[in-house]
Amino acid sequence: MYPRTWAQDVLRCRLCETPGLSMYCDICHIHLCKACVGEHLSDQSKEHKVLPFEQRGSTPNYPKCPKHSTKQCELHCEQCDIPICALCISGEHLGHKPVNIVKHIESKKELLQREMQELEKSISPKYQQIASNIPVQKAALNKNSQKLTSAMDKHGEALHREIDIRIHKLKSDLNEMDTKHLAVLNKQEDEITRTISEITQTITELKKLVDSNDVSRVSAYKSRIAEFRRLPPKLTVSLPSFTPQKINKEQLYQQFGSLSASSIKTEEQVYTMDSPGAESSPPDRPLIDVPRIITEINTEYGVSNRLVSVSCLSDEELWTRGGDNKMRLYNLKGKLVKSVHTKSGNNPWDIAVTRSGDLVYTDGRDRTVNIVKNTQIQTVIRLEGWGPRGVCSTSSGDLLVVMNSNGKQSKVVCYSGSTEKQSIQYDDKGQPLYSSLDYNTQYISENRNLDICVSDNYAGAVPWDLCVDTRDNLFVAECWTGKVKKIQYYM
């Protein structure tokens, strides 16, 4: 009798090898017959879920608990942001707030879906558009170079042999400029091409994760959306030009003409969501009946050094400031990541984070607005007669600064870099935006409709500072306790 081949084989019970299956263990992923179900369930070293064969695969693929080997992680600890099992609740996660891991994964898949859509519909097209402009710049560079070379040749022929050396020098200078310019363009093109490839790979991975039931893979995914939101810089090129002069033998060397130097201006491009992305903004999502505190972040602030400002750097870290001259970056577990002292040694009045992730702070006594880039502090605005108060970074990359003039009047000024673009002192009813007292706290922000929103602590309009992350979680600063509470208020 010939042995059975794979094509001829039928599914058999894993225990007794009886053909014709009717049951399946969705945890162990083995086939069973009805008679062997009891024997399989008697193995109590791990959990089992035996289903009719037709219903196999309906159980989520829960990860095994690293702390309790016989248990599966069917819960998710919101505070620690890790999968846990039922036994973990009474252990190191006692007092934490667990949620059903399936609901957590569904929620995360919604975020992945939105992230994938943003990559496909917004970020990737922007990179493609930037990349498509580089060949145009190259063509303009080549055309300009040919034009200048032709002009140099014509002028050189008129000056004959006396000017050959000088013409050769001009060409050499031009070629050197072109080489440097082309190297910059080639470098940016290579970087953008590589990033586009990474975005395409990320989109493919996200598509797989959105359709996947593998909890471990979905939970392990680390978002790169913040990295991709930082668009490559825009190169503004000042091409060289050649200025011929009328030949004068007496002043020959002054008549050769000159080649202007080329320059490359790197202009930071700010990423903003396209209008289709705005359709999925929080106002279209239902509010939950009772906002839920997800995490309480303990900081070193308190009664002696009150916590007065918070600003999200990312979904995992936030900047804070209190009553001293140090600004502190914390993660969601309350760990101090790093701290920065003000340039002048004065206490900062307010803080904000730019779209590119740089920290901005106002110095009321020094009358300056400063940006912290890595470890360097740059003063971008210096005022006279006015003192800066609240500050925020807009979706377009501008800075909105509240300023006060010796307690007599206040206004809001919009800056692009160090250049003033607009000044607003009154609302649409002709009323001052702020009470004009110098010692009150004056905050400002921009909402999703691009409206300027202001708050006046002295006027009793709002509590202390707050901010939201990209997932629309609310972070509230508690002045006297020094705690930052992460609150979920949308479904």
Foldseek 3Di string as FASTA:
>chain_A
DDDDDPVRDAAAFPPPRHGDFFKAWQQVGGTHHPVCPVVVCVPQQADTDMDTPVCHPVDFHFDAAPVRRRFGQQKAFLLVGGGDGPVCCPPPVPPTDIDGLVVVLLVLLVVLVLLLCCLVPPLLVVLVVLLVCLVVVVVVLVVQLVVQLVVLVVLDVVVPPVCPVVSVVQNVLQVVLSVVVVVVSVVVNVVSVVVSVVSVVSSVVSVCSSPDSHSVVSSPDDDPSLVSQQDFWDKDKDHKDWDAADADPVPRVVGSTDIDHMDIDTHGAGGFGDPVSCVPDQVVFDWDPDKDFNAKAAEPAAQVWWWFAWEDLAPFKIWTFTQFQKIFIAGSNNDTPDIAGDPVRAGWQYWYAFSNRWIWTFHQVQQFIWTQDPNDIDTQEHDDQKGWHAWYADSRGWIWTWIARQLPAIWIFIGDRHHTDDIGQADPVRHGPERSGPPWHKYWDADPVRDIDIDTVVVVGDDGYWDAHPSRWIWDADTHRRMITTIDTGD
